[in-house]
């Protein structure tokens, strides 16, 4: 059995196969260009394509910045009971003769340092350093200037 034009069809098949491979390579090249490094639009993809590690920016919680605040507590004997790492509540005690009531300024704040008391004893009370949110630190300093402060262990 002999197929008419068989030799021509074989050449046409080979010629079309080359076209199919060329078309496939063109599509692959277009896909690589589309997914390749970006110069100005997206610098993170450019860093990935060059093999550099991509770093993720650290996000800081702006709402709760923790600061250390030195606070003078009225009762020095109570401060001697404290150790770094203890959790305390800070209470402002108003003058009872003027009708001031006690109020809690900070709850469950961490003691970071308990400095050694001074020998001269010129100031009443003792200093303690607390780790508190920034807003609470402002309240503690303001109240410490006008009222007597006390702590309770949590």
N, C-alpha and C. Protein backbone atom coordinates (compact mmCIF):
# COMPACT_ATOMS: atom_id res chain seq x y z
N UNK A 1 0.84 -1.14 0.00
CA UNK A 1 0.00 0.00 0.00
C UNK A 1 0.90 1.23 0.00
N UNK A 2 0.52 2.12 -0.82
CA UNK A 2 1.34 3.30 -0.97
C UNK A 2 0.47 4.53 -0.76
N UNK A 3 0.93 5.45 0.15
CA UNK A 3 0.18 6.67 0.43
C UNK A 3 0.69 7.75 -0.50
N UNK A 4 -0.25 8.36 -1.19
CA UNK A 4 0.14 9.37 -2.14
C UNK A 4 0.62 10.62 -1.40
N UNK A 5 1.75 11.15 -1.81
CA UNK A 5 2.31 12.35 -1.20
C UNK A 5 2.87 12.10 0.18
N UNK A 6 3.26 10.89 0.50
CA UNK A 6 3.75 10.55 1.82
C UNK A 6 5.03 11.27 2.18
N UNK A 7 5.89 11.41 1.22
CA UNK A 7 7.15 12.09 1.49
C UNK A 7 6.89 13.57 1.79
N UNK A 8 5.98 14.17 1.05
CA UNK A 8 5.65 15.58 1.25
C UNK A 8 5.00 15.79 2.63
N UNK A 9 4.14 14.87 3.02
CA UNK A 9 3.48 15.00 4.33
C UNK A 9 4.48 14.88 5.46
N UNK A 10 5.49 14.03 5.31
CA UNK A 10 6.51 13.87 6.33
C UNK A 10 7.32 15.17 6.47
N UNK A 11 7.66 15.79 5.37
CA UNK A 11 8.39 17.04 5.42
C UNK A 11 7.53 18.15 6.05
N UNK A 12 6.22 18.13 5.68
CA UNK A 12 5.31 19.12 6.25
C UNK A 12 5.16 18.93 7.76
N UNK A 13 5.12 17.70 8.25
CA UNK A 13 5.01 17.38 9.67
C UNK A 13 6.25 17.87 10.41
N UNK A 14 7.43 17.62 9.82
CA UNK A 14 8.66 18.07 10.43
C UNK A 14 8.70 19.59 10.47
N UNK A 15 8.27 20.22 9.37
CA UNK A 15 8.27 21.68 9.30
C UNK A 15 7.28 22.26 10.32
N UNK A 16 6.12 21.69 10.50
CA UNK A 16 5.13 22.17 11.48
C UNK A 16 5.59 21.89 12.91
N UNK A 17 6.31 20.79 13.10
CA UNK A 17 6.82 20.50 14.44
C UNK A 17 7.81 21.57 14.86
N UNK A 18 8.62 22.01 13.95
CA UNK A 18 9.56 23.08 14.25
C UNK A 18 8.81 24.36 14.59
N UNK A 19 7.73 24.63 13.88
CA UNK A 19 6.92 25.80 14.17
C UNK A 19 6.27 25.69 15.55
N UNK A 20 5.79 24.48 15.88
CA UNK A 20 5.16 24.26 17.19
C UNK A 20 6.18 24.47 18.31
N UNK A 21 7.39 23.95 18.11
CA UNK A 21 8.43 24.13 19.12
C UNK A 21 8.81 25.61 19.22
N UNK A 22 8.93 26.29 18.09
CA UNK A 22 9.25 27.72 18.10
C UNK A 22 8.16 28.51 18.80
N UNK A 23 6.90 28.18 18.54
CA UNK A 23 5.79 28.87 19.19
C UNK A 23 5.80 28.60 20.70
N UNK A 24 6.10 27.37 21.09
CA UNK A 24 6.19 27.02 22.51
C UNK A 24 7.31 27.78 23.21
N UNK A 25 8.47 27.89 22.54
CA UNK A 25 9.58 28.64 23.11
C UNK A 25 9.25 30.13 23.22
N UNK A 26 8.53 30.67 22.24
CA UNK A 26 8.14 32.07 22.29
C UNK A 26 7.20 32.33 23.45
N UNK A 27 6.25 31.44 23.69
CA UNK A 27 5.31 31.59 24.81
C UNK A 27 6.06 31.48 26.14
N UNK A 28 7.00 30.54 26.23
CA UNK A 28 7.79 30.39 27.45
C UNK A 28 8.62 31.63 27.72
N UNK A 29 9.25 32.18 26.68
CA UNK A 29 10.04 33.39 26.85
C UNK A 29 9.17 34.56 27.30
N UNK A 30 7.98 34.68 26.73
CA UNK A 30 7.07 35.76 27.14
C UNK A 30 6.66 35.60 28.60
N UNK A 31 6.42 34.37 29.03
CA UNK A 31 6.04 34.13 30.42
C UNK A 31 7.19 34.46 31.37
N UNK A 32 8.42 34.13 30.97
CA UNK A 32 9.57 34.44 31.81
C UNK A 32 9.80 35.94 31.91
N UNK A 33 9.59 36.65 30.81
CA UNK A 33 9.74 38.10 30.85
C UNK A 33 8.67 38.72 31.74
N UNK A 34 7.45 38.22 31.66
CA UNK A 34 6.36 38.75 32.48
C UNK A 34 6.59 38.49 33.96
N UNK A 35 7.16 37.35 34.31
CA UNK A 35 7.38 37.00 35.71
C UNK A 35 8.77 37.37 36.19
N UNK A 36 9.60 37.91 35.32
CA UNK A 36 10.99 38.22 35.65
C UNK A 36 11.13 39.42 36.55
N UNK A 37 12.38 39.90 36.72
CA UNK A 37 12.64 41.01 37.65
C UNK A 37 12.00 42.31 37.18
N UNK A 38 11.50 43.06 38.17
CA UNK A 38 10.91 44.36 37.88
C UNK A 38 11.94 45.41 38.27
N UNK A 39 12.07 46.42 37.48
CA UNK A 39 13.11 47.41 37.77
C UNK A 39 12.61 48.49 38.70
N UNK A 40 11.60 49.27 38.31
CA UNK A 40 11.17 50.39 39.13
C UNK A 40 9.83 50.16 39.81
N UNK A 41 8.96 49.42 39.18
CA UNK A 41 7.60 49.28 39.70
C UNK A 41 7.55 48.49 40.99
N UNK A 42 8.33 47.42 41.09
CA UNK A 42 8.25 46.56 42.26
C UNK A 42 9.65 46.13 42.66
N UNK A 43 10.34 46.86 43.54
CA UNK A 43 11.73 46.55 43.86
C UNK A 43 11.90 45.24 44.63
N UNK A 44 10.85 44.76 45.34
CA UNK A 44 10.99 43.52 46.10
C UNK A 44 11.15 42.33 45.17
N UNK A 45 10.45 42.33 44.04
CA UNK A 45 10.61 41.22 43.10
C UNK A 45 11.98 41.26 42.46
N UNK A 46 12.55 42.43 42.26
CA UNK A 46 13.89 42.55 41.68
C UNK A 46 14.91 41.95 42.64
N UNK A 47 14.73 42.17 43.95
CA UNK A 47 15.64 41.58 44.91
C UNK A 47 15.53 40.07 44.93
N UNK A 48 14.33 39.54 44.79
CA UNK A 48 14.15 38.10 44.76
C UNK A 48 14.83 37.49 43.54
N UNK A 49 14.71 38.14 42.40
CA UNK A 49 15.25 37.58 41.18
C UNK A 49 16.77 37.54 41.22
N UNK A 50 17.41 38.47 41.91
CA UNK A 50 18.86 38.50 41.99
C UNK A 50 19.39 37.56 43.06
N UNK A 51 18.53 36.92 43.81
CA UNK A 51 18.96 35.95 44.80
C UNK A 51 19.20 36.53 46.18
N UNK A 52 18.88 37.77 46.41
CA UNK A 52 19.03 38.35 47.74
C UNK A 52 17.84 37.97 48.60
N UNK A 53 18.05 37.80 49.90
CA UNK A 53 16.90 37.50 50.75
C UNK A 53 16.02 38.73 50.90
N UNK A 54 14.73 38.50 50.89
CA UNK A 54 13.77 39.59 51.07
C UNK A 54 13.51 39.72 52.56
N UNK A 55 13.67 40.92 53.09
CA UNK A 55 13.42 41.14 54.50
C UNK A 55 12.03 41.70 54.69
N UNK A 56 11.37 41.24 55.71
CA UNK A 56 10.04 41.72 56.05
C UNK A 56 10.20 42.84 57.07
N UNK A 57 9.64 44.02 56.83
CA UNK A 57 9.81 45.11 57.78
C UNK A 57 9.14 44.78 59.10
N UNK A 58 9.80 45.16 60.18
CA UNK A 58 9.27 44.94 61.51
C UNK A 58 8.22 46.01 61.79
N UNK A 59 7.07 45.57 62.22
CA UNK A 59 6.00 46.52 62.53
C UNK A 59 5.96 46.74 64.03
N UNK A 60 6.08 47.99 64.42
CA UNK A 60 6.02 48.33 65.83
C UNK A 60 4.58 48.67 66.19
N UNK A 61 4.19 48.28 67.37
CA UNK A 61 2.87 48.64 67.84
C UNK A 61 2.96 50.01 68.47
N UNK A 62 2.49 51.00 67.74
CA UNK A 62 2.59 52.38 68.21
C UNK A 62 1.64 52.65 69.37
N UNK A 63 0.56 51.91 69.48
CA UNK A 63 -0.44 52.18 70.50
C UNK A 63 0.07 51.83 71.90
N UNK A 64 0.96 50.86 72.04
CA UNK A 64 1.39 50.41 73.35
C UNK A 64 2.92 50.45 73.41
N UNK A 65 3.49 51.65 73.47
CA UNK A 65 4.93 51.78 73.69
C UNK A 65 5.19 51.64 75.18
N UNK A 66 6.05 50.71 75.55
CA UNK A 66 6.36 50.47 76.95
C UNK A 66 7.64 51.22 77.29
N UNK A 67 7.59 51.99 78.36
CA UNK A 67 8.74 52.77 78.82
C UNK A 67 9.01 52.42 80.28
N UNK A 68 10.20 52.78 80.75
CA UNK A 68 10.51 52.60 82.16
C UNK A 68 10.32 53.94 82.86
N UNK A 69 9.64 53.90 83.98
CA UNK A 69 9.31 55.12 84.71
C UNK A 69 9.75 55.00 86.17
N UNK A 70 10.61 55.89 86.63
CA UNK A 70 10.94 55.89 88.06
C UNK A 70 9.82 56.55 88.86
N UNK A 71 9.40 55.88 89.91
CA UNK A 71 8.28 56.37 90.71
C UNK A 71 8.69 56.34 92.18
N UNK A 72 8.41 57.44 92.89
CA UNK A 72 8.71 57.50 94.31
C UNK A 72 7.50 57.03 95.09
N UNK A 73 7.68 55.95 95.84
CA UNK A 73 6.63 55.37 96.67
C UNK A 73 6.79 55.92 98.09
N UNK A 74 5.67 56.30 98.70
CA UNK A 74 5.72 56.96 100.01
C UNK A 74 6.28 56.06 101.11
N UNK A 75 5.97 54.77 101.10
CA UNK A 75 6.40 53.88 102.16
C UNK A 75 7.65 53.12 101.71
N UNK A 76 8.81 53.49 102.28
CA UNK A 76 10.08 52.87 101.89
C UNK A 76 10.14 51.40 102.29
N UNK A 77 9.47 51.02 103.37
CA UNK A 77 9.50 49.62 103.81
C UNK A 77 8.79 48.72 102.80
N UNK A 78 7.76 49.23 102.18
CA UNK A 78 7.05 48.44 101.16
C UNK A 78 7.95 48.22 99.94
N UNK A 79 8.71 49.21 99.57
CA UNK A 79 9.60 49.10 98.40
C UNK A 79 10.68 48.06 98.66
N UNK A 80 11.13 47.92 99.91
CA UNK A 80 12.15 46.89 100.22
C UNK A 80 11.64 45.48 100.01
N UNK A 81 10.32 45.28 99.98
CA UNK A 81 9.75 43.96 99.71
C UNK A 81 9.75 43.60 98.23
N UNK A 82 9.91 44.61 97.38
CA UNK A 82 9.81 44.39 95.93
C UNK A 82 11.11 43.86 95.35
N UNK A 83 10.97 43.04 94.29
CA UNK A 83 12.10 42.50 93.53
C UNK A 83 11.83 42.74 92.05
N UNK A 84 12.87 42.86 91.23
CA UNK A 84 12.64 42.99 89.78
C UNK A 84 11.84 41.79 89.25
N UNK A 85 10.85 42.08 88.43
CA UNK A 85 9.98 41.04 87.89
C UNK A 85 8.63 40.95 88.59
N UNK A 86 8.52 41.53 89.79
CA UNK A 86 7.24 41.53 90.51
C UNK A 86 6.22 42.37 89.75
N UNK A 87 4.96 42.02 89.91
CA UNK A 87 3.85 42.81 89.34
C UNK A 87 3.17 43.55 90.48
N UNK A 88 2.90 44.84 90.25
CA UNK A 88 2.30 45.67 91.30
C UNK A 88 1.20 46.53 90.71
N UNK A 89 0.29 46.97 91.59
CA UNK A 89 -0.68 48.01 91.29
C UNK A 89 -0.19 49.28 91.96
N UNK A 90 -0.27 50.41 91.26
CA UNK A 90 0.15 51.69 91.84
C UNK A 90 -1.11 52.48 92.17
N UNK A 91 -1.17 52.94 93.42
CA UNK A 91 -2.35 53.64 93.93
C UNK A 91 -1.94 55.03 94.39
N UNK A 92 -2.73 56.02 93.99
CA UNK A 92 -2.51 57.40 94.43
C UNK A 92 -3.48 57.68 95.56
N UNK A 93 -2.93 58.09 96.68
CA UNK A 93 -3.75 58.39 97.85
C UNK A 93 -3.82 59.91 98.01
N UNK A 94 -5.02 60.46 97.82
CA UNK A 94 -5.23 61.89 98.00
C UNK A 94 -5.24 62.26 99.47
N UNK A 95 -5.14 63.54 99.75
CA UNK A 95 -5.16 64.03 101.13
C UNK A 95 -6.57 63.85 101.70
N UNK A 96 -6.72 63.04 102.76
CA UNK A 96 -8.05 62.77 103.31
C UNK A 96 -8.71 64.01 103.91
N UNK A 97 -7.95 64.99 104.35
CA UNK A 97 -8.55 66.19 104.93
C UNK A 97 -9.22 67.05 103.86
N UNK A 98 -8.74 66.97 102.63
CA UNK A 98 -9.37 67.77 101.56
C UNK A 98 -10.37 66.95 100.76
N UNK A 99 -10.67 65.75 101.22
CA UNK A 99 -11.68 64.92 100.56
C UNK A 99 -11.14 64.10 99.40
N UNK A 100 -9.83 63.95 99.30
CA UNK A 100 -9.23 63.16 98.22
C UNK A 100 -9.40 61.67 98.48
N UNK A 101 -9.77 60.94 97.47
CA UNK A 101 -9.95 59.50 97.60
C UNK A 101 -8.79 58.77 96.93
N UNK A 102 -8.62 57.52 97.30
CA UNK A 102 -7.58 56.70 96.69
C UNK A 102 -8.05 56.22 95.31
N UNK A 103 -7.14 56.22 94.34
CA UNK A 103 -7.48 55.73 93.00
C UNK A 103 -6.30 54.94 92.44
N UNK A 104 -6.62 53.95 91.64
CA UNK A 104 -5.60 53.10 91.03
C UNK A 104 -5.11 53.77 89.75
N UNK A 105 -3.80 53.98 89.65
CA UNK A 105 -3.21 54.61 88.47
C UNK A 105 -2.72 53.59 87.45
N UNK A 106 -2.22 52.45 87.96
CA UNK A 106 -1.68 51.42 87.05
C UNK A 106 -1.94 50.06 87.67
N UNK A 107 -2.33 49.12 86.82
CA UNK A 107 -2.62 47.76 87.29
C UNK A 107 -1.65 46.76 86.68
N UNK A 108 -1.08 45.92 87.51
CA UNK A 108 -0.25 44.81 87.04
C UNK A 108 1.00 45.22 86.28
N UNK A 109 1.60 46.33 86.64
CA UNK A 109 2.82 46.76 85.95
C UNK A 109 4.03 46.04 86.55
N UNK A 110 5.07 45.88 85.72
CA UNK A 110 6.23 45.09 86.12
C UNK A 110 7.30 45.98 86.74
N UNK A 111 7.87 45.51 87.84
CA UNK A 111 8.99 46.19 88.49
C UNK A 111 10.26 45.80 87.73
N UNK A 112 11.00 46.79 87.21
CA UNK A 112 12.22 46.48 86.48
C UNK A 112 13.47 46.64 87.34
N UNK A 113 13.43 47.58 88.29
CA UNK A 113 14.59 47.78 89.14
C UNK A 113 14.16 48.41 90.47
N UNK A 114 14.85 48.01 91.52
CA UNK A 114 14.64 48.62 92.84
C UNK A 114 15.99 49.17 93.28
N UNK A 115 16.23 50.48 93.06
CA UNK A 115 17.54 51.06 93.44
C UNK A 115 17.75 51.02 94.95
N UNK A 116 19.02 51.05 95.33
CA UNK A 116 19.37 51.08 96.76
C UNK A 116 18.93 52.42 97.34
N UNK A 117 18.35 52.43 98.55
CA UNK A 117 17.93 53.71 99.16
C UNK A 117 19.13 54.56 99.53
N UNK A 118 18.94 55.87 99.48
CA UNK A 118 19.99 56.81 99.85
C UNK A 118 20.15 56.84 101.36
N UNK A 119 21.37 57.07 101.83
CA UNK A 119 21.65 57.05 103.27
C UNK A 119 21.22 58.33 103.97
N UNK A 120 21.17 59.46 103.24
CA UNK A 120 20.88 60.73 103.92
C UNK A 120 19.44 60.84 104.41
N UNK A 121 18.52 60.17 103.76
CA UNK A 121 17.14 60.17 104.20
C UNK A 121 16.44 61.49 104.06
N UNK A 122 16.96 62.39 103.22
CA UNK A 122 16.37 63.71 103.06
C UNK A 122 14.98 63.63 102.43
N UNK A 123 14.79 62.69 101.54
CA UNK A 123 13.48 62.57 100.89
C UNK A 123 12.70 61.42 101.53
N UNK A 124 11.41 61.59 101.62
CA UNK A 124 10.60 60.53 102.20
C UNK A 124 10.27 59.51 101.12
N UNK A 125 10.14 58.27 101.51
CA UNK A 125 9.79 57.22 100.56
C UNK A 125 11.00 56.61 99.89
N UNK A 126 10.75 55.81 98.86
CA UNK A 126 11.83 55.13 98.15
C UNK A 126 11.47 55.04 96.67
N UNK A 127 12.49 54.94 95.86
CA UNK A 127 12.31 54.92 94.41
C UNK A 127 12.18 53.48 93.91
N UNK A 128 11.30 53.29 92.92
CA UNK A 128 11.15 52.01 92.23
C UNK A 128 10.98 52.32 90.74
N UNK A 129 11.58 51.49 89.90
CA UNK A 129 11.48 51.70 88.45
C UNK A 129 10.50 50.68 87.89
N UNK A 130 9.48 51.19 87.19
CA UNK A 130 8.41 50.34 86.65
C UNK A 130 8.41 50.36 85.14
N UNK A 131 8.00 49.27 84.53
CA UNK A 131 7.83 49.18 83.08
C UNK A 131 6.35 49.34 82.78
N UNK A 132 5.99 50.48 82.17
CA UNK A 132 4.58 50.83 81.98
C UNK A 132 4.36 51.39 80.57
N UNK A 133 3.11 51.38 80.08
CA UNK A 133 2.82 52.07 78.82
C UNK A 133 3.07 53.56 78.95
N UNK A 134 3.36 54.22 77.82
CA UNK A 134 3.74 55.63 77.82
C UNK A 134 2.68 56.53 78.47
N UNK A 135 1.42 56.30 78.20
CA UNK A 135 0.35 57.11 78.80
C UNK A 135 0.27 56.94 80.31
N UNK A 136 0.47 55.73 80.78
CA UNK A 136 0.45 55.46 82.21
C UNK A 136 1.63 56.13 82.89
N UNK A 137 2.78 56.17 82.23
CA UNK A 137 3.95 56.81 82.80
C UNK A 137 3.69 58.29 83.05
N UNK A 138 3.01 58.94 82.12
CA UNK A 138 2.68 60.35 82.30
C UNK A 138 1.74 60.56 83.49
N UNK A 139 0.77 59.67 83.65
CA UNK A 139 -0.14 59.76 84.81
C UNK A 139 0.60 59.54 86.12
N UNK A 140 1.54 58.58 86.13
CA UNK A 140 2.29 58.29 87.36
C UNK A 140 3.17 59.48 87.77
N UNK A 141 3.83 60.08 86.80
CA UNK A 141 4.69 61.22 87.11
C UNK A 141 3.86 62.40 87.60
N UNK A 142 2.74 62.65 86.94
CA UNK A 142 1.87 63.75 87.36
C UNK A 142 1.32 63.55 88.74
N UNK A 143 0.87 62.35 89.04
CA UNK A 143 0.30 62.08 90.36
C UNK A 143 1.40 62.07 91.43
N UNK A 144 2.59 61.62 91.07
CA UNK A 144 3.69 61.58 92.04
C UNK A 144 4.13 62.96 92.49
N UNK A 145 3.87 63.97 91.68
CA UNK A 145 4.24 65.33 92.05
C UNK A 145 3.26 65.95 93.04
N UNK A 146 2.01 65.48 93.06
CA UNK A 146 1.00 66.11 93.92
C UNK A 146 0.44 65.19 95.00
N UNK A 147 0.57 63.87 94.84
CA UNK A 147 -0.05 62.93 95.79
C UNK A 147 0.97 61.91 96.28
N UNK A 148 0.59 61.20 97.33
CA UNK A 148 1.42 60.12 97.83
C UNK A 148 1.06 58.85 97.09
N UNK A 149 2.08 58.11 96.65
CA UNK A 149 1.85 56.87 95.90
C UNK A 149 2.17 55.66 96.74
N UNK A 150 1.41 54.60 96.53
CA UNK A 150 1.61 53.34 97.23
C UNK A 150 1.52 52.22 96.20
N UNK A 151 2.03 51.04 96.57
CA UNK A 151 1.96 49.87 95.68
C UNK A 151 1.36 48.70 96.44
N UNK A 152 0.70 47.83 95.69
CA UNK A 152 0.23 46.55 96.23
C UNK A 152 0.76 45.47 95.32
N UNK A 153 1.20 44.37 95.89
CA UNK A 153 1.72 43.25 95.11
C UNK A 153 0.57 42.48 94.48
N UNK A 154 0.75 42.11 93.22
CA UNK A 154 -0.28 41.32 92.52
C UNK A 154 0.02 39.85 92.62
